[in-house]
PDB file of N, CA and C in Angstrom:
ATOM      1  N   MET A   1       0.839  -1.170   0.000  1.00  0.00           N
ATOM      2  CA  MET A   1       0.000   0.000   0.000  1.00  0.00           C
ATOM      3  C   MET A   1       0.891   1.243   0.000  1.00  0.00           C
ATOM      4  N   ASP A   2       0.539   2.207  -0.816  1.00  0.00           N
ATOM      5  CA  ASP A   2       1.339   3.426  -0.948  1.00  0.00           C
ATOM      6  C   ASP A   2       0.813   4.494   0.006  1.00  0.00           C
ATOM      7  N   ASN A   3       1.594   4.778   1.052  1.00  0.00           N
ATOM      8  CA  ASN A   3       1.214   5.823   2.005  1.00  0.00           C
ATOM      9  C   ASN A   3       1.892   7.122   1.616  1.00  0.00           C
ATOM     10  N   LYS A   4       1.210   7.908   0.817  1.00  0.00           N
ATOM     11  CA  LYS A   4       1.770   9.199   0.425  1.00  0.00           C
ATOM     12  C   LYS A   4       1.547  10.200   1.542  1.00  0.00           C
ATOM     13  N   LYS A   5       2.617  10.819   1.966  1.00  0.00           N
ATOM     14  CA  LYS A   5       2.523  11.849   2.991  1.00  0.00           C
ATOM     15  C   LYS A   5       2.509  13.205   2.305  1.00  0.00           C
ATOM     16  N   PRO A   6       1.701  14.102   2.816  1.00  0.00           N
ATOM     17  CA  PRO A   6       1.630  15.420   2.178  1.00  0.00           C
ATOM     18  C   PRO A   6       2.952  16.171   2.311  1.00  0.00           C
ATOM     19  N   ASP A   7       3.287  16.907   1.287  1.00  0.00           N
ATOM     20  CA  ASP A   7       4.480  17.744   1.302  1.00  0.00           C
ATOM     21  C   ASP A   7       4.175  18.984   2.136  1.00  0.00           C
ATOM     22  N   ILE A   8       4.801  19.074   3.296  1.00  0.00           N
ATOM     23  CA  ILE A   8       4.532  20.155   4.243  1.00  0.00           C
ATOM     24  C   ILE A   8       4.816  21.520   3.620  1.00  0.00           C
ATOM     25  N   HIS A   9       5.885  21.632   2.861  1.00  0.00           N
ATOM     26  CA  HIS A   9       6.225  22.920   2.245  1.00  0.00           C
ATOM     27  C   HIS A   9       5.171  23.327   1.219  1.00  0.00           C
ATOM     28  N   TYR A  10       4.680  22.365   0.469  1.00  0.00           N
ATOM     29  CA  TYR A  10       3.638  22.648  -0.520  1.00  0.00           C
ATOM     30  C   TYR A  10       2.359  23.116   0.177  1.00  0.00           C
ATOM     31  N   ILE A  11       1.974  22.419   1.232  1.00  0.00           N
ATOM     32  CA  ILE A  11       0.769  22.795   1.975  1.00  0.00           C
ATOM     33  C   ILE A  11       0.915  24.196   2.550  1.00  0.00           C
ATOM     34  N   ARG A  12       2.066  24.487   3.154  1.00  0.00           N
ATOM     35  CA  ARG A  12       2.300  25.814   3.722  1.00  0.00           C
ATOM     36  C   ARG A  12       2.174  26.886   2.653  1.00  0.00           C
ATOM     37  N   ASN A  13       2.814  26.665   1.514  1.00  0.00           N
ATOM     38  CA  ASN A  13       2.765  27.657   0.437  1.00  0.00           C
ATOM     39  C   ASN A  13       1.348  27.862  -0.077  1.00  0.00           C
ATOM     40  N   GLU A  14       0.579  26.803  -0.187  1.00  0.00           N
ATOM     41  CA  GLU A  14      -0.806  26.921  -0.646  1.00  0.00           C
ATOM     42  C   GLU A  14      -1.644  27.732   0.341  1.00  0.00           C
ATOM     43  N   ILE A  15      -1.471  27.481   1.624  1.00  0.00           N
ATOM     44  CA  ILE A  15      -2.219  28.229   2.643  1.00  0.00           C
ATOM     45  C   ILE A  15      -1.826  29.697   2.609  1.00  0.00           C
ATOM     46  N   ILE A  16      -0.536  29.977   2.592  1.00  0.00           N
ATOM     47  CA  ILE A  16      -0.055  31.359   2.585  1.00  0.00           C
ATOM     48  C   ILE A  16      -0.489  32.077   1.315  1.00  0.00           C
ATOM     49  N   ASN A  17      -0.415  31.417   0.173  1.00  0.00           N
ATOM     50  CA  ASN A  17      -0.840  32.047  -1.082  1.00  0.00           C
ATOM     51  C   ASN A  17      -2.330  32.360  -1.083  1.00  0.00           C
ATOM     52  N   ALA A  18      -3.133  31.495  -0.498  1.00  0.00           N
ATOM     53  CA  ALA A  18      -4.568  31.751  -0.414  1.00  0.00           C
ATOM     54  C   ALA A  18      -4.860  32.922   0.520  1.00  0.00           C
ATOM     55  N   PHE A  19      -4.034  33.106   1.514  1.00  0.00           N
ATOM     56  CA  PHE A  19      -4.222  34.152   2.515  1.00  0.00           C
ATOM     57  C   PHE A  19      -3.622  35.493   2.090  1.00  0.00           C
ATOM     58  N   ARG A  20      -2.714  35.473   1.141  1.00  0.00           N
ATOM     59  CA  ARG A  20      -1.959  36.664   0.747  1.00  0.00           C
ATOM     60  C   ARG A  20      -2.829  37.872   0.373  1.00  0.00           C
ATOM     61  N   PRO A  21      -3.939  37.728  -0.362  1.00  0.00           N
ATOM     62  CA  PRO A  21      -4.752  38.912  -0.687  1.00  0.00           C
ATOM     63  C   PRO A  21      -5.264  39.661   0.546  1.00  0.00           C
ATOM     64  N   ILE A  22      -5.605  38.923   1.585  1.00  0.00           N
ATOM     65  CA  ILE A  22      -6.058  39.565   2.821  1.00  0.00           C
ATOM     66  C   ILE A  22      -4.906  40.339   3.447  1.00  0.00           C
ATOM     67  N   GLU A  23      -3.744  39.722   3.466  1.00  0.00           N
ATOM     68  CA  GLU A  23      -2.552  40.365   4.016  1.00  0.00           C
ATOM     69  C   GLU A  23      -2.218  41.641   3.241  1.00  0.00           C
ATOM     70  N   GLN A  24      -2.320  41.579   1.922  1.00  0.00           N
ATOM     71  CA  GLN A  24      -2.041  42.753   1.089  1.00  0.00           C
ATOM     72  C   GLN A  24      -3.045  43.871   1.349  1.00  0.00           C
ATOM     73  N   LEU A  25      -4.301  43.514   1.572  1.00  0.00           N
ATOM     74  CA  LEU A  25      -5.318  44.516   1.888  1.00  0.00           C
ATOM     75  C   LEU A  25      -4.935  45.295   3.138  1.00  0.00           C
ATOM     76  N   PHE A  26      -4.496  44.602   4.172  1.00  0.00           N
ATOM     77  CA  PHE A  26      -4.092  45.280   5.396  1.00  0.00           C
ATOM     78  C   PHE A  26      -2.864  46.161   5.170  1.00  0.00           C
ATOM     79  N   LYS A  27      -1.947  45.720   4.340  1.00  0.00           N
ATOM     80  CA  LYS A  27      -0.771  46.542   4.036  1.00  0.00           C
ATOM     81  C   LYS A  27      -1.171  47.816   3.304  1.00  0.00           C
ATOM     82  N   ILE A  28      -2.115  47.702   2.373  1.00  0.00           N
ATOM     83  CA  ILE A  28      -2.604  48.886   1.656  1.00  0.00           C
ATOM     84  C   ILE A  28      -3.323  49.823   2.622  1.00  0.00           C
ATOM     85  N   MET A  29      -4.146  49.255   3.481  1.00  0.00           N
ATOM     86  CA  MET A  29      -4.857  50.074   4.466  1.00  0.00           C
ATOM     87  C   MET A  29      -3.876  50.827   5.352  1.00  0.00           C
ATOM     88  N   ASP A  30      -2.762  50.190   5.684  1.00  0.00           N
ATOM     89  CA  ASP A  30      -1.766  50.799   6.565  1.00  0.00           C
ATOM     90  C   ASP A  30      -1.115  52.019   5.927  1.00  0.00           C
ATOM     91  N   THR A  31      -1.062  52.053   4.603  1.00  0.00           N
ATOM     92  CA  THR A  31      -0.435  53.188   3.921  1.00  0.00           C
ATOM     93  C   THR A  31      -1.444  54.267   3.538  1.00  0.00           C
ATOM     94  N   SER A  32      -2.710  54.066   3.882  1.00  0.00           N
ATOM     95  CA  SER A  32      -3.737  55.039   3.505  1.00  0.00           C
ATOM     96  C   SER A  32      -3.595  56.330   4.307  1.00  0.00           C
ATOM     97  N   SER A  33      -4.077  57.386   3.727  1.00  0.00           N
ATOM     98  CA  SER A  33      -3.982  58.712   4.327  1.00  0.00           C
ATOM     99  C   SER A  33      -4.961  58.847   5.491  1.00  0.00           C
ATOM    100  N   VAL A  34      -4.439  59.229   6.645  1.00  0.00           N
ATOM    101  CA  VAL A  34      -5.286  59.443   7.815  1.00  0.00           C
ATOM    102  C   VAL A  34      -6.240  60.607   7.562  1.00  0.00           C
ATOM    103  N   GLU A  35      -5.765  61.629   6.850  1.00  0.00           N
ATOM    104  CA  GLU A  35      -6.590  62.805   6.578  1.00  0.00           C
ATOM    105  C   GLU A  35      -7.808  62.451   5.723  1.00  0.00           C
ATOM    106  N   ILE A  36      -7.645  61.528   4.805  1.00  0.00           N
ATOM    107  CA  ILE A  36      -8.743  61.167   3.899  1.00  0.00           C
ATOM    108  C   ILE A  36      -9.609  60.053   4.489  1.00  0.00           C
ATOM    109  N   TYR A  37      -8.974  59.002   4.985  1.00  0.00           N
ATOM    110  CA  TYR A  37      -9.717  57.814   5.409  1.00  0.00           C
ATOM    111  C   TYR A  37      -9.906  57.705   6.915  1.00  0.00           C
ATOM    112  N   GLY A  38      -9.240  58.544   7.660  1.00  0.00           N
ATOM    113  CA  GLY A  38      -9.406  58.535   9.105  1.00  0.00           C
ATOM    114  C   GLY A  38      -8.482  57.561   9.814  1.00  0.00           C
ATOM    115  N   GLU A  39      -8.488  57.693  11.116  1.00  0.00           N
ATOM    116  CA  GLU A  39      -7.614  56.884  11.965  1.00  0.00           C
ATOM    117  C   GLU A  39      -8.107  55.439  12.082  1.00  0.00           C
ATOM    118  N   LEU A  40      -9.409  55.233  11.915  1.00  0.00           N
ATOM    119  CA  LEU A  40      -9.955  53.881  12.051  1.00  0.00           C
ATOM    120  C   LEU A  40      -9.347  52.921  11.029  1.00  0.00           C
ATOM    121  N   THR A  41      -9.143  53.399   9.813  1.00  0.00           N
ATOM    122  CA  THR A  41      -8.545  52.554   8.777  1.00  0.00           C
ATOM    123  C   THR A  41      -7.143  52.131   9.175  1.00  0.00           C
ATOM    124  N   ARG A  42      -6.368  53.082   9.671  1.00  0.00           N
ATOM    125  CA  ARG A  42      -4.995  52.780  10.096  1.00  0.00           C
ATOM    126  C   ARG A  42      -4.980  51.828  11.284  1.00  0.00           C
ATOM    127  N   SER A  43      -5.869  52.072  12.241  1.00  0.00           N
ATOM    128  CA  SER A  43      -5.935  51.199  13.419  1.00  0.00           C
ATOM    129  C   SER A  43      -6.339  49.781  13.024  1.00  0.00           C
ATOM    130  N   SER A  44      -7.301  49.681  12.128  1.00  0.00           N
ATOM    131  CA  SER A  44      -7.734  48.361  11.649  1.00  0.00           C
ATOM    132  C   SER A  44      -6.599  47.657  10.922  1.00  0.00           C
ATOM    133  N   ALA A  45      -5.840  48.407  10.149  1.00  0.00           N
ATOM    134  CA  ALA A  45      -4.704  47.838   9.428  1.00  0.00           C
ATOM    135  C   ALA A  45      -3.657  47.304  10.400  1.00  0.00           C
ATOM    136  N   GLU A  46      -3.423  48.038  11.462  1.00  0.00           N
ATOM    137  CA  GLU A  46      -2.444  47.610  12.460  1.00  0.00           C
ATOM    138  C   GLU A  46      -2.870  46.282  13.096  1.00  0.00           C
ATOM    139  N   VAL A  47      -4.143  46.201  13.453  1.00  0.00           N
ATOM    140  CA  VAL A  47      -4.674  44.962  14.022  1.00  0.00           C
ATOM    141  C   VAL A  47      -4.581  43.836  12.991  1.00  0.00           C
ATOM    142  N   GLY A  48      -4.966  44.125  11.759  1.00  0.00           N
ATOM    143  CA  GLY A  48      -4.926  43.128  10.696  1.00  0.00           C
ATOM    144  C   GLY A  48      -3.524  42.615  10.432  1.00  0.00           C
ATOM    145  N   ASN A  49      -2.554  43.515  10.407  1.00  0.00           N
ATOM    146  CA  ASN A  49      -1.166  43.102  10.181  1.00  0.00           C
ATOM    147  C   ASN A  49      -0.668  42.198  11.306  1.00  0.00           C
ATOM    148  N   THR A  50      -1.041  42.512  12.530  1.00  0.00           N
ATOM    149  CA  THR A  50      -0.657  41.675  13.665  1.00  0.00           C
ATOM    150  C   THR A  50      -1.306  40.297  13.566  1.00  0.00           C
ATOM    151  N   LEU A  51      -2.583  40.280  13.191  1.00  0.00           N
ATOM    152  CA  LEU A  51      -3.272  39.000  13.019  1.00  0.00           C
ATOM    153  C   LEU A  51      -2.644  38.171  11.902  1.00  0.00           C
ATOM    154  N   CYS A  52      -2.244  38.823  10.830  1.00  0.00           N
ATOM    155  CA  CYS A  52      -1.589  38.118   9.721  1.00  0.00           C
ATOM    156  C   CYS A  52      -0.280  37.489  10.178  1.00  0.00           C
ATOM    157  N   GLN A  53       0.487  38.245  10.944  1.00  0.00           N
ATOM    158  CA  GLN A  53       1.758  37.735  11.448  1.00  0.00           C
ATOM    159  C   GLN A  53       1.515  36.532  12.370  1.00  0.00           C
ATOM    160  N   ASN A  54       0.522  36.649  13.244  1.00  0.00           N
ATOM    161  CA  ASN A  54       0.197  35.539  14.141  1.00  0.00           C
ATOM    162  C   ASN A  54      -0.283  34.318  13.362  1.00  0.00           C
ATOM    163  N   PHE A  55      -1.057  34.549  12.308  1.00  0.00           N
ATOM    164  CA  PHE A  55      -1.554  33.457  11.474  1.00  0.00           C
ATOM    165  C   PHE A  55      -0.394  32.707  10.835  1.00  0.00           C
ATOM    166  N   ARG A  56       0.545  33.445  10.264  1.00  0.00           N
ATOM    167  CA  ARG A  56       1.706  32.805   9.635  1.00  0.00           C
ATOM    168  C   ARG A  56       2.497  31.976  10.647  1.00  0.00           C
ATOM    169  N   GLN A  57       2.699  32.532  11.841  1.00  0.00           N
ATOM    170  CA  GLN A  57       3.438  31.813  12.872  1.00  0.00           C
ATOM    171  C   GLN A  57       2.705  30.537  13.287  1.00  0.00           C
ATOM    172  N   LYS A  58       1.387  30.630  13.396  1.00  0.00           N
ATOM    173  CA  LYS A  58       0.591  29.467  13.796  1.00  0.00           C
ATOM    174  C   LYS A  58       0.625  28.384  12.717  1.00  0.00           C
ATOM    175  N   VAL A  59       0.501  28.791  11.455  1.00  0.00           N
ATOM    176  CA  VAL A  59       0.575  27.824  10.356  1.00  0.00           C
ATOM    177  C   VAL A  59       1.929  27.126  10.375  1.00  0.00           C
ATOM    178  N   ASP A  60       2.997  27.899  10.530  1.00  0.00           N
ATOM    179  CA  ASP A  60       4.338  27.306  10.575  1.00  0.00           C
ATOM    180  C   ASP A  60       4.475  26.327  11.740  1.00  0.00           C
ATOM    181  N   ALA A  61       3.946  26.705  12.912  1.00  0.00           N
ATOM    182  CA  ALA A  61       4.050  25.840  14.086  1.00  0.00           C
ATOM    183  C   ALA A  61       3.263  24.545  13.892  1.00  0.00           C
ATOM    184  N   ILE A  62       2.063  24.658  13.350  1.00  0.00           N
ATOM    185  CA  ILE A  62       1.236  23.467  13.129  1.00  0.00           C
ATOM    186  C   ILE A  62       1.904  22.528  12.136  1.00  0.00           C
ATOM    187  N   LEU A  63       2.382  23.078  11.042  1.00  0.00           N
ATOM    188  CA  LEU A  63       3.000  22.238  10.017  1.00  0.00           C
ATOM    189  C   LEU A  63       4.336  21.669  10.484  1.00  0.00           C
ATOM    190  N   LYS A  64       5.051  22.418  11.315  1.00  0.00           N
ATOM    191  CA  LYS A  64       6.299  21.898  11.876  1.00  0.00           C
ATOM    192  C   LYS A  64       6.000  20.701  12.776  1.00  0.00           C
ATOM    193  N   ASP A  65       4.972  20.837  13.615  1.00  0.00           N
ATOM    194  CA  ASP A  65       4.574  19.724  14.478  1.00  0.00           C
ATOM    195  C   ASP A  65       4.123  18.526  13.651  1.00  0.00           C
ATOM    196  N   GLN A  66       3.385  18.795  12.589  1.00  0.00           N
ATOM    197  CA  GLN A  66       2.911  17.730  11.703  1.00  0.00           C
ATOM    198  C   GLN A  66       4.098  17.017  11.049  1.00  0.00           C
ATOM    199  N   GLY A  67       5.068  17.792  10.606  1.00  0.00           N
ATOM    200  CA  GLY A  67       6.256  17.220   9.978  1.00  0.00           C
ATOM    201  C   GLY A  67       7.063  16.382  10.945  1.00  0.00           C
ATOM    202  N   GLN A  68       7.183  16.834  12.184  1.00  0.00           N
ATOM    203  CA  GLN A  68       7.911  16.066  13.186  1.00  0.00           C
ATOM    204  C   GLN A  68       7.156  14.798  13.551  1.00  0.00           C
ATOM    205  N   GLY A  69       5.837  14.879  13.566  1.00  0.00           N
ATOM    206  CA  GLY A  69       5.027  13.692  13.843  1.00  0.00           C
ATOM    207  C   GLY A  69       5.197  12.650  12.763  1.00  0.00           C
ATOM    208  N   ASP A  70       5.300  13.100  11.506  1.00  0.00           N
ATOM    209  CA  ASP A  70       5.508  12.174  10.392  1.00  0.00           C
ATOM    210  C   ASP A  70       6.868  11.497  10.490  1.00  0.00           C
ATOM    211  N   GLN A  71       7.875  12.227  10.960  1.00  0.00           N
ATOM    212  CA  GLN A  71       9.217  11.666  11.065  1.00  0.00           C
ATOM    213  C   GLN A  71       9.311  10.654  12.202  1.00  0.00           C
ATOM    214  N   ASN A  72       8.493  10.865  13.232  1.00  0.00           N
ATOM    215  CA  ASN A  72       8.546   9.980  14.394  1.00  0.00           C
ATOM    216  C   ASN A  72       7.729   8.707  14.224  1.00  0.00           C
ATOM    217  N   GLY A  73       6.980   8.644  13.168  1.00  0.00           N
ATOM    218  CA  GLY A  73       6.282   7.385  13.018  1.00  0.00           C
ATOM    219  C   GLY A  73       4.942   7.571  12.523  1.00  0.00           C
TER     220      GLY A  73
END
C-alpha cells in the first residue's frame, strides 16, 4: 500500500498564497492617508497586520509539528 505523505512545504505555500490577498489589503490600508480615510482605517490595518503575522506563525508551528510527527512514526 502506498502511504503518500503530504508535502509540508507545498501545503504551507498553498495556505499562505490563499491568505496573501487579505494580508495585502491590510498593508494597503496601513499606507492610507489618515486625513482622507481617518484613523480607524490605520488602526484596523495595524490589528490586521498583527493578526496576519500571528496566522503565519501558527501555520508554521502546526505544520512543523505535523512534519515532526511524520518523522517519528
